[in-house]
Amino acid sequence: MSKVEQRLKELGYELPPVPPTMANYVSCVQTGSVIYTSGAGCYVNGSPMYLGRLGADVTIEQGYEAAKVTVLNLLAILKSEIGDLDRITRIVKLFALVSSAPDFYEQPRVINGASDFLIEIFGEAGKHARAAAGTSVLPFNNPIEIEMIVEVNEG
């Protein structure tokens, strides 16, 4: 078991099965030592953890947890691509979309769920650049979608 997966276990989590793509794209693309993931959501066993907009249907606390679940899905995708999560040397950047009610302005607090979790898992290497933007709607009525850019060493 990788150190990353051991750390997840210590925190009370395990990697889920790799979520399927929802349209005509691939889950991630590697170029050199950098991997770009496609957007992922907060799916558990193939079903969305929550549906709807933050500030209307989903609370900040639920969104924070959904962001953590989304990170688990992203890590499952990365493991399927590189074989060993210990190859990740740096979380470079997150780009997050938050489906938001018109008067909801707390997108950063929601996506802190992902950022805090990555730092818990990877320590200093988990600190990253980030954008957290609100949007009126996301595919399939998901409350959040997150893309991740990571740096890996040669395996």
Protein backbone atom coordinates (compact mmCIF):
# COMPACT_ATOMS: atom_id res chain seq x y z
CA MET A 1 0.00 0.00 0.00
CA SER A 2 1.32 3.42 -0.94
CA LYS A 3 2.12 6.02 1.70
CA VAL A 4 -0.69 8.18 0.30
CA GLU A 5 -3.23 5.36 0.61
CA GLN A 6 -1.92 4.59 4.11
CA ARG A 7 -2.44 8.24 5.03
CA LEU A 8 -5.99 8.10 3.65
CA LYS A 9 -6.63 5.01 5.77
CA GLU A 10 -5.32 6.82 8.88
CA LEU A 11 -7.77 9.64 8.13
CA GLY A 12 -10.64 7.13 7.77
CA TYR A 13 -10.92 7.12 3.97
CA GLU A 14 -10.21 4.77 1.10
CA LEU A 15 -10.06 5.26 -2.62
CA PRO A 16 -13.32 4.58 -4.45
CA PRO A 17 -13.56 2.77 -7.78
CA VAL A 18 -12.55 4.99 -10.70
CA PRO A 19 -15.58 7.04 -11.72
CA PRO A 20 -16.57 6.65 -15.37
CA THR A 21 -16.42 9.59 -17.76
CA MET A 22 -19.80 11.15 -18.51
CA ALA A 23 -19.22 12.22 -22.13
CA ASN A 24 -16.62 12.18 -24.92
CA TYR A 25 -13.39 12.94 -23.03
CA VAL A 26 -10.66 11.19 -21.05
CA SER A 27 -10.31 11.39 -17.27
CA CYS A 28 -6.79 12.81 -17.40
CA VAL A 29 -3.94 13.67 -19.71
CA GLN A 30 -0.25 13.49 -18.87
CA THR A 31 2.34 15.61 -20.62
CA GLY A 32 5.84 15.24 -19.27
CA SER A 33 5.72 15.27 -15.50
CA VAL A 34 2.37 17.07 -15.31
CA ILE A 35 -1.09 15.48 -15.23
CA TYR A 36 -4.28 17.43 -15.90
CA THR A 37 -7.50 15.82 -14.72
CA SER A 38 -10.89 16.43 -16.21
CA GLY A 39 -13.54 17.78 -13.90
CA ALA A 40 -14.87 15.34 -11.31
CA GLY A 41 -17.79 15.51 -8.93
CA CYS A 42 -18.91 14.17 -5.58
CA TYR A 43 -20.03 10.69 -6.61
CA VAL A 44 -20.28 7.80 -4.15
CA ASN A 45 -20.88 4.34 -5.61
CA GLY A 46 -21.88 5.90 -8.92
CA SER A 47 -24.49 8.25 -7.44
CA PRO A 48 -24.15 11.93 -6.59
CA MET A 49 -23.61 12.62 -2.89
CA TYR A 50 -25.68 15.81 -3.22
CA LEU A 51 -27.62 17.55 -5.96
CA GLY A 52 -28.42 21.21 -6.47
CA ARG A 53 -26.96 24.58 -5.72
CA LEU A 54 -24.99 25.82 -2.74
CA GLY A 55 -26.99 28.34 -0.80
CA ALA A 56 -30.31 26.81 -1.88
CA ASP A 57 -30.23 23.00 -1.81
CA VAL A 58 -26.79 22.25 -0.34
CA THR A 59 -25.23 23.78 2.78
CA ILE A 60 -21.65 25.03 3.06
CA GLU A 61 -20.88 22.09 5.36
CA GLN A 62 -22.31 19.59 2.86
CA GLY A 63 -20.37 21.28 0.05
CA TYR A 64 -17.17 21.07 2.10
CA GLU A 65 -17.68 17.29 2.51
CA ALA A 66 -18.60 16.95 -1.17
CA ALA A 67 -15.29 18.61 -2.07
CA LYS A 68 -13.43 15.97 -0.01
CA VAL A 69 -15.30 13.17 -1.81
CA THR A 70 -14.43 14.80 -5.12
CA VAL A 71 -10.74 14.73 -4.16
CA LEU A 72 -11.05 10.99 -3.46
CA ASN A 73 -12.51 10.50 -6.93
CA LEU A 74 -9.70 12.55 -8.47
CA LEU A 75 -7.09 10.51 -6.60
CA ALA A 76 -8.71 7.29 -7.85
CA ILE A 77 -8.44 8.64 -11.41
CA LEU A 78 -4.80 9.57 -10.86
CA LYS A 79 -3.98 6.16 -9.41
CA SER A 80 -5.48 4.48 -12.47
CA GLU A 81 -3.24 6.65 -14.65
CA ILE A 82 0.08 6.45 -12.78
CA GLY A 83 -0.28 3.24 -10.74
CA ASP A 84 1.12 4.61 -7.48
CA LEU A 85 -0.02 7.81 -5.78
CA ASP A 86 3.39 8.11 -4.13
CA ARG A 87 4.60 9.32 -7.53
CA ILE A 88 2.76 12.60 -6.92
CA THR A 89 5.38 15.19 -5.96
CA ARG A 90 3.13 18.25 -5.88
CA ILE A 91 -0.49 19.27 -6.13
CA VAL A 92 -0.04 22.22 -8.47
CA LYS A 93 -3.52 23.69 -8.91
CA LEU A 94 -7.23 23.16 -8.41
CA PHE A 95 -9.90 24.72 -10.55
CA ALA A 96 -13.29 24.40 -8.89
CA LEU A 97 -16.79 25.32 -9.96
CA VAL A 98 -19.55 25.66 -7.40
CA SER A 99 -23.17 25.60 -8.54
CA SER A 100 -24.49 28.57 -6.61
CA ALA A 101 -27.76 30.27 -5.76
CA PRO A 102 -27.77 33.89 -7.02
CA ASP A 103 -26.97 35.27 -3.56
CA PHE A 104 -24.33 32.69 -2.57
CA TYR A 105 -20.80 34.08 -2.24
CA GLU A 106 -18.99 31.46 -0.15
CA GLN A 107 -17.43 29.35 -2.93
CA PRO A 108 -13.95 29.52 -1.33
CA ARG A 109 -15.28 28.08 1.95
CA VAL A 110 -16.83 25.16 0.08
CA ILE A 111 -13.66 24.35 -1.88
CA ASN A 112 -11.58 24.59 1.29
CA GLY A 113 -12.89 21.04 1.80
CA ALA A 114 -10.71 19.92 -1.11
CA SER A 115 -7.74 22.14 -0.23
CA ASP A 116 -7.70 21.23 3.46
CA PHE A 117 -7.99 17.52 2.60
CA LEU A 118 -5.12 17.62 0.10
CA ILE A 119 -2.88 19.28 2.68
CA GLU A 120 -3.89 16.65 5.27
CA ILE A 121 -2.92 13.93 2.80
CA PHE A 122 0.20 15.37 1.16
CA GLY A 123 1.49 17.92 3.68
CA GLU A 124 3.58 20.68 2.08
CA ALA A 125 3.29 19.01 -1.33
CA GLY A 126 -0.49 19.39 -1.05
CA LYS A 127 -0.38 23.20 -0.94
CA HIS A 128 -1.56 24.49 -4.29
CA ALA A 129 -2.77 27.39 -6.37
CA ARG A 130 -6.54 27.49 -6.78
CA ALA A 131 -9.58 29.09 -8.34
CA ALA A 132 -13.06 28.66 -6.86
CA ALA A 133 -15.78 30.14 -9.05
CA GLY A 134 -19.54 30.20 -8.80
CA THR A 135 -21.76 29.14 -11.66
CA SER A 136 -25.50 28.95 -12.11
CA VAL A 137 -25.57 25.27 -13.06
CA LEU A 138 -23.31 22.24 -13.46
CA PRO A 139 -23.86 19.06 -15.48
CA PHE A 140 -26.30 16.55 -13.99
CA ASN A 141 -27.22 19.08 -11.25
CA ASN A 142 -23.94 18.44 -9.41
CA PRO A 143 -23.13 21.02 -6.73
CA ILE A 144 -19.38 21.10 -7.43
CA GLU A 145 -16.85 20.12 -10.05
CA ILE A 146 -13.09 20.14 -9.51
CA GLU A 147 -10.15 19.78 -11.89
CA MET A 148 -6.66 19.12 -10.58
CA ILE A 149 -3.16 19.60 -11.96
CA VAL A 150 -0.43 17.50 -10.35
CA GLU A 151 3.27 16.98 -10.84
CA VAL A 152 4.62 13.43 -10.75
CA ASN A 153 8.03 11.84 -10.73
CA GLU A 154 9.06 9.22 -13.26
CA GLY A 155 7.77 5.78 -12.40
